[in-house]
Amino acid sequence: MISIKVILEKLNRRAGVVGSLVCSHDGMVVESALGDRFDGEALAALASSVDMAIGNGCKAIEFHRYTRYQITSSSGNLILTDLGKSLFVVILDASADLPQINVEIFQASNEIKKHVNIG
């Protein structure tokens, strides 16, 4: 069975991907491939807060649960994907090819859910 770490490391080898992690909805790190540049616990806490805010906003406007959320800045993007029981967070730099990376994030999300059975 493929591990979460292997899936994250494979995605991280793509141009424009700076790091990735999987965390619980309450902000606990499940697995991280961020290197020394980012604090996994801080990123998981941020992801949890964003997840809660988006979830509450979706309920307020009678939308179903979101599946993916993108935060865009001048220096890059943060992609947050709801895996069901967990969250998948990917950090991208400004050079990332978003359409291609989105396909790869979708594929990685499915691999995590299928092979690791956490979603």
N, C-alpha and C. Protein backbone atom coordinates (compact mmCIF):
# COMPACT_ATOMS: atom_id res chain seq x y z
N MET A 1 0.86 -1.18 0.00
CA MET A 1 0.00 0.00 0.00
C MET A 1 0.90 1.24 0.00
N ILE A 2 0.54 2.21 -0.78
CA ILE A 2 1.31 3.45 -0.90
C ILE A 2 1.05 4.33 0.33
N SER A 3 2.07 5.00 0.80
CA SER A 3 1.92 5.84 1.99
C SER A 3 1.58 7.28 1.59
N ILE A 4 1.01 8.00 2.54
CA ILE A 4 0.69 9.41 2.32
C ILE A 4 1.97 10.17 1.99
N LYS A 5 3.04 9.89 2.70
CA LYS A 5 4.31 10.60 2.50
C LYS A 5 4.80 10.45 1.06
N VAL A 6 4.69 9.26 0.50
CA VAL A 6 5.11 9.02 -0.88
C VAL A 6 4.27 9.85 -1.86
N ILE A 7 2.98 9.91 -1.61
CA ILE A 7 2.09 10.70 -2.47
C ILE A 7 2.46 12.18 -2.40
N LEU A 8 2.69 12.68 -1.19
CA LEU A 8 3.05 14.08 -1.02
C LEU A 8 4.39 14.40 -1.68
N GLU A 9 5.36 13.53 -1.47
CA GLU A 9 6.69 13.76 -2.06
C GLU A 9 6.64 13.73 -3.59
N LYS A 10 5.83 12.86 -4.13
CA LYS A 10 5.67 12.80 -5.60
C LYS A 10 5.09 14.11 -6.12
N LEU A 11 4.05 14.63 -5.45
CA LEU A 11 3.46 15.90 -5.87
C LEU A 11 4.47 17.03 -5.72
N ASN A 12 5.24 17.01 -4.65
CA ASN A 12 6.21 18.08 -4.38
C ASN A 12 7.30 18.17 -5.45
N ARG A 13 7.50 17.11 -6.22
CA ARG A 13 8.50 17.15 -7.29
C ARG A 13 8.02 17.92 -8.51
N ARG A 14 6.77 18.28 -8.57
CA ARG A 14 6.22 19.03 -9.69
C ARG A 14 6.66 20.48 -9.61
N ALA A 15 6.93 21.06 -10.77
CA ALA A 15 7.34 22.47 -10.84
C ALA A 15 6.27 23.35 -10.21
N GLY A 16 6.69 24.25 -9.35
CA GLY A 16 5.77 25.19 -8.72
C GLY A 16 5.22 24.75 -7.38
N VAL A 17 5.35 23.46 -7.05
CA VAL A 17 4.86 22.97 -5.76
C VAL A 17 5.96 23.16 -4.73
N VAL A 18 5.65 23.88 -3.68
CA VAL A 18 6.62 24.20 -2.63
C VAL A 18 6.54 23.21 -1.48
N GLY A 19 5.34 22.70 -1.18
CA GLY A 19 5.17 21.75 -0.10
C GLY A 19 3.73 21.31 0.02
N SER A 20 3.50 20.26 0.79
CA SER A 20 2.14 19.75 0.95
C SER A 20 2.02 19.02 2.29
N LEU A 21 0.79 18.91 2.74
CA LEU A 21 0.52 18.16 3.97
C LEU A 21 -0.91 17.69 4.00
N VAL A 22 -1.17 16.72 4.84
CA VAL A 22 -2.51 16.24 5.13
C VAL A 22 -2.72 16.45 6.62
N CYS A 23 -3.87 17.02 6.98
CA CYS A 23 -4.18 17.26 8.39
C CYS A 23 -5.64 16.95 8.65
N SER A 24 -5.97 16.82 9.92
CA SER A 24 -7.36 16.60 10.32
C SER A 24 -8.10 17.94 10.25
N HIS A 25 -9.41 17.86 10.30
CA HIS A 25 -10.21 19.09 10.28
C HIS A 25 -9.97 19.95 11.52
N ASP A 26 -9.50 19.34 12.58
CA ASP A 26 -9.22 20.13 13.78
C ASP A 26 -7.76 20.58 13.88
N GLY A 27 -7.01 20.42 12.78
CA GLY A 27 -5.68 21.01 12.71
C GLY A 27 -4.52 20.14 13.17
N MET A 28 -4.72 18.85 13.28
CA MET A 28 -3.64 17.95 13.66
C MET A 28 -2.96 17.42 12.40
N VAL A 29 -1.64 17.50 12.35
CA VAL A 29 -0.89 17.04 11.18
C VAL A 29 -0.96 15.50 11.12
N VAL A 30 -1.39 14.99 9.96
CA VAL A 30 -1.39 13.55 9.70
C VAL A 30 -0.07 13.16 9.05
N GLU A 31 0.30 13.90 8.00
CA GLU A 31 1.58 13.69 7.33
C GLU A 31 1.99 14.99 6.66
N SER A 32 3.28 15.25 6.63
CA SER A 32 3.78 16.51 6.09
C SER A 32 4.98 16.27 5.19
N ALA A 33 5.03 17.02 4.10
CA ALA A 33 6.19 17.05 3.21
C ALA A 33 6.46 18.52 2.90
N LEU A 34 6.81 19.26 3.95
CA LEU A 34 7.01 20.71 3.83
C LEU A 34 8.48 21.11 3.87
N GLY A 35 9.33 20.22 4.30
CA GLY A 35 10.73 20.58 4.47
C GLY A 35 10.89 21.54 5.65
N ASP A 36 12.01 22.23 5.67
CA ASP A 36 12.31 23.14 6.79
C ASP A 36 11.71 24.53 6.61
N ARG A 37 11.20 24.82 5.44
CA ARG A 37 10.74 26.17 5.13
C ARG A 37 9.45 26.55 5.86
N PHE A 38 8.57 25.57 6.12
CA PHE A 38 7.27 25.86 6.71
C PHE A 38 7.06 25.05 7.98
N ASP A 39 6.27 25.59 8.88
CA ASP A 39 5.89 24.92 10.12
C ASP A 39 4.59 24.16 9.86
N GLY A 40 4.66 22.84 9.86
CA GLY A 40 3.49 22.02 9.58
C GLY A 40 2.34 22.25 10.54
N GLU A 41 2.64 22.42 11.82
CA GLU A 41 1.57 22.64 12.80
C GLU A 41 0.88 23.97 12.57
N ALA A 42 1.64 25.01 12.23
CA ALA A 42 1.05 26.31 11.95
C ALA A 42 0.19 26.26 10.69
N LEU A 43 0.68 25.57 9.66
CA LEU A 43 -0.08 25.45 8.42
C LEU A 43 -1.35 24.63 8.64
N ALA A 44 -1.26 23.57 9.43
CA ALA A 44 -2.45 22.76 9.74
C ALA A 44 -3.48 23.58 10.52
N ALA A 45 -3.02 24.41 11.44
CA ALA A 45 -3.94 25.28 12.19
C ALA A 45 -4.60 26.29 11.26
N LEU A 46 -3.84 26.87 10.34
CA LEU A 46 -4.41 27.79 9.35
C LEU A 46 -5.44 27.07 8.50
N ALA A 47 -5.10 25.89 8.01
CA ALA A 47 -6.02 25.12 7.16
C ALA A 47 -7.31 24.81 7.91
N SER A 48 -7.19 24.45 9.18
CA SER A 48 -8.36 24.15 9.99
C SER A 48 -9.26 25.37 10.14
N SER A 49 -8.65 26.53 10.39
CA SER A 49 -9.42 27.77 10.54
C SER A 49 -10.13 28.15 9.24
N VAL A 50 -9.40 28.06 8.13
CA VAL A 50 -9.99 28.37 6.83
C VAL A 50 -11.12 27.39 6.52
N ASP A 51 -10.89 26.11 6.79
CA ASP A 51 -11.90 25.08 6.56
C ASP A 51 -13.18 25.39 7.33
N MET A 52 -13.04 25.76 8.59
CA MET A 52 -14.21 26.07 9.41
C MET A 52 -14.96 27.29 8.87
N ALA A 53 -14.22 28.33 8.51
CA ALA A 53 -14.85 29.55 7.99
C ALA A 53 -15.57 29.29 6.68
N ILE A 54 -14.93 28.55 5.78
CA ILE A 54 -15.56 28.25 4.49
C ILE A 54 -16.78 27.36 4.70
N GLY A 55 -16.64 26.37 5.56
CA GLY A 55 -17.77 25.48 5.84
C GLY A 55 -18.97 26.24 6.39
N ASN A 56 -18.72 27.14 7.33
CA ASN A 56 -19.80 27.95 7.89
C ASN A 56 -20.41 28.87 6.83
N GLY A 57 -19.57 29.44 6.00
CA GLY A 57 -20.06 30.30 4.92
C GLY A 57 -20.91 29.54 3.93
N CYS A 58 -20.50 28.34 3.59
CA CYS A 58 -21.28 27.51 2.66
C CYS A 58 -22.64 27.17 3.25
N LYS A 59 -22.66 26.85 4.54
CA LYS A 59 -23.94 26.56 5.20
C LYS A 59 -24.85 27.79 5.18
N ALA A 60 -24.28 28.96 5.42
CA ALA A 60 -25.07 30.19 5.49
C ALA A 60 -25.75 30.51 4.17
N ILE A 61 -25.12 30.13 3.06
CA ILE A 61 -25.74 30.41 1.75
C ILE A 61 -26.35 29.15 1.14
N GLU A 62 -26.52 28.13 1.97
CA GLU A 62 -27.17 26.87 1.60
C GLU A 62 -26.47 26.15 0.45
N PHE A 63 -25.14 26.19 0.47
CA PHE A 63 -24.32 25.40 -0.46
C PHE A 63 -23.98 24.09 0.24
N HIS A 64 -23.66 23.10 -0.55
CA HIS A 64 -23.14 21.87 0.03
C HIS A 64 -21.71 22.14 0.47
N ARG A 65 -21.12 21.21 1.12
CA ARG A 65 -19.73 21.33 1.57
C ARG A 65 -18.82 21.61 0.38
N TYR A 66 -17.86 22.49 0.55
CA TYR A 66 -16.90 22.78 -0.51
C TYR A 66 -16.01 21.56 -0.75
N THR A 67 -15.39 21.49 -1.91
CA THR A 67 -14.45 20.41 -2.18
C THR A 67 -13.02 20.94 -2.29
N ARG A 68 -12.87 22.15 -2.83
CA ARG A 68 -11.52 22.73 -2.96
C ARG A 68 -11.63 24.23 -2.83
N TYR A 69 -10.62 24.82 -2.18
CA TYR A 69 -10.56 26.27 -1.98
C TYR A 69 -9.15 26.73 -2.29
N GLN A 70 -9.05 27.86 -2.98
CA GLN A 70 -7.74 28.39 -3.37
C GLN A 70 -7.56 29.78 -2.80
N ILE A 71 -6.45 29.98 -2.11
CA ILE A 71 -6.06 31.30 -1.62
C ILE A 71 -4.93 31.77 -2.53
N THR A 72 -5.11 32.94 -3.12
CA THR A 72 -4.14 33.46 -4.09
C THR A 72 -3.47 34.70 -3.53
N SER A 73 -2.15 34.76 -3.68
CA SER A 73 -1.40 35.96 -3.29
C SER A 73 -0.43 36.28 -4.41
N SER A 74 0.27 37.39 -4.28
CA SER A 74 1.23 37.78 -5.31
C SER A 74 2.42 36.83 -5.37
N SER A 75 2.68 36.10 -4.29
CA SER A 75 3.84 35.21 -4.27
C SER A 75 3.49 33.74 -4.45
N GLY A 76 2.20 33.42 -4.58
CA GLY A 76 1.82 32.03 -4.78
C GLY A 76 0.40 31.74 -4.39
N ASN A 77 0.12 30.47 -4.22
CA ASN A 77 -1.23 30.01 -3.91
C ASN A 77 -1.18 28.93 -2.84
N LEU A 78 -2.29 28.82 -2.13
CA LEU A 78 -2.48 27.74 -1.18
C LEU A 78 -3.78 27.05 -1.60
N ILE A 79 -3.71 25.77 -1.86
CA ILE A 79 -4.88 25.00 -2.27
C ILE A 79 -5.28 24.11 -1.11
N LEU A 80 -6.54 24.19 -0.72
CA LEU A 80 -7.08 23.40 0.38
C LEU A 80 -8.16 22.49 -0.20
N THR A 81 -7.99 21.18 -0.05
CA THR A 81 -8.93 20.20 -0.57
C THR A 81 -9.51 19.40 0.58
N ASP A 82 -10.84 19.29 0.61
CA ASP A 82 -11.52 18.51 1.64
C ASP A 82 -11.52 17.05 1.19
N LEU A 83 -10.89 16.17 1.97
CA LEU A 83 -10.83 14.75 1.66
C LEU A 83 -11.89 13.95 2.41
N GLY A 84 -12.76 14.61 3.11
CA GLY A 84 -13.76 13.91 3.91
C GLY A 84 -13.37 13.96 5.37
N LYS A 85 -12.54 13.02 5.79
CA LYS A 85 -12.09 12.96 7.18
C LYS A 85 -10.85 13.81 7.42
N SER A 86 -10.29 14.36 6.37
CA SER A 86 -9.06 15.13 6.50
C SER A 86 -8.99 16.22 5.43
N LEU A 87 -7.94 17.04 5.52
CA LEU A 87 -7.70 18.12 4.57
C LEU A 87 -6.35 17.91 3.90
N PHE A 88 -6.28 18.27 2.64
CA PHE A 88 -5.05 18.17 1.85
C PHE A 88 -4.66 19.59 1.50
N VAL A 89 -3.48 20.02 1.91
CA VAL A 89 -3.01 21.39 1.73
C VAL A 89 -1.78 21.38 0.83
N VAL A 90 -1.81 22.20 -0.22
CA VAL A 90 -0.68 22.29 -1.14
C VAL A 90 -0.28 23.75 -1.27
N ILE A 91 1.01 24.03 -1.10
CA ILE A 91 1.54 25.38 -1.25
C ILE A 91 2.24 25.46 -2.61
N LEU A 92 1.89 26.49 -3.37
CA LEU A 92 2.46 26.69 -4.71
C LEU A 92 3.16 28.02 -4.77
N ASP A 93 4.22 28.11 -5.56
CA ASP A 93 4.84 29.41 -5.79
C ASP A 93 4.17 30.07 -7.00
N ALA A 94 4.56 31.29 -7.29
CA ALA A 94 3.91 32.07 -8.35
C ALA A 94 4.13 31.48 -9.74
N SER A 95 5.13 30.62 -9.90
CA SER A 95 5.43 30.06 -11.21
C SER A 95 4.58 28.83 -11.55
N ALA A 96 3.79 28.36 -10.63
CA ALA A 96 3.03 27.12 -10.83
C ALA A 96 2.02 27.25 -11.98
N ASP A 97 1.92 26.21 -12.77
CA ASP A 97 0.93 26.11 -13.85
C ASP A 97 -0.36 25.60 -13.21
N LEU A 98 -1.24 26.53 -12.81
CA LEU A 98 -2.42 26.17 -12.02
C LEU A 98 -3.32 25.12 -12.66
N PRO A 99 -3.64 25.22 -13.96
CA PRO A 99 -4.49 24.17 -14.54
C PRO A 99 -3.87 22.78 -14.41
N GLN A 100 -2.58 22.66 -14.69
CA GLN A 100 -1.91 21.36 -14.60
C GLN A 100 -1.80 20.90 -13.15
N ILE A 101 -1.43 21.80 -12.26
CA ILE A 101 -1.30 21.44 -10.85
C ILE A 101 -2.65 21.03 -10.27
N ASN A 102 -3.73 21.69 -10.67
CA ASN A 102 -5.06 21.31 -10.18
C ASN A 102 -5.39 19.87 -10.55
N VAL A 103 -5.03 19.46 -11.76
CA VAL A 103 -5.26 18.07 -12.17
C VAL A 103 -4.44 17.14 -11.28
N GLU A 104 -3.19 17.50 -11.03
CA GLU A 104 -2.32 16.65 -10.22
C GLU A 104 -2.78 16.61 -8.76
N ILE A 105 -3.29 17.71 -8.24
CA ILE A 105 -3.83 17.72 -6.88
C ILE A 105 -5.06 16.82 -6.81
N PHE A 106 -5.91 16.88 -7.82
CA PHE A 106 -7.09 16.01 -7.89
C PHE A 106 -6.66 14.54 -7.87
N GLN A 107 -5.67 14.21 -8.69
CA GLN A 107 -5.19 12.83 -8.74
C GLN A 107 -4.57 12.40 -7.41
N ALA A 108 -3.78 13.27 -6.81
CA ALA A 108 -3.17 12.95 -5.52
C ALA A 108 -4.24 12.78 -4.44
N SER A 109 -5.27 13.62 -4.47
CA SER A 109 -6.37 13.51 -3.51
C SER A 109 -7.03 12.15 -3.62
N ASN A 110 -7.29 11.71 -4.84
CA ASN A 110 -7.91 10.40 -5.05
C ASN A 110 -6.99 9.28 -4.59
N GLU A 111 -5.69 9.41 -4.82
CA GLU A 111 -4.74 8.40 -4.35
C GLU A 111 -4.74 8.31 -2.83
N ILE A 112 -4.74 9.46 -2.19
CA ILE A 112 -4.74 9.47 -0.72
C ILE A 112 -5.99 8.79 -0.20
N LYS A 113 -7.14 9.15 -0.74
CA LYS A 113 -8.40 8.56 -0.28
C LYS A 113 -8.46 7.05 -0.60
N LYS A 114 -8.00 6.67 -1.76
CA LYS A 114 -8.08 5.27 -2.20
C LYS A 114 -7.10 4.35 -1.48
N HIS A 115 -5.84 4.75 -1.43
CA HIS A 115 -4.80 3.88 -0.92
C HIS A 115 -4.59 3.97 0.58
N VAL A 116 -4.91 5.10 1.16
CA VAL A 116 -4.63 5.28 2.57
C VAL A 116 -5.91 5.20 3.39
N ASN A 117 -7.04 5.31 2.72
CA ASN A 117 -8.36 5.14 3.34
C ASN A 117 -8.58 6.08 4.52
N ILE A 118 -8.30 7.38 4.31
CA ILE A 118 -8.57 8.35 5.38
C ILE A 118 -9.70 9.28 5.00
N GLY A 119 -10.21 9.19 3.79
CA GLY A 119 -11.25 10.11 3.32
C GLY A 119 -12.58 9.47 3.17
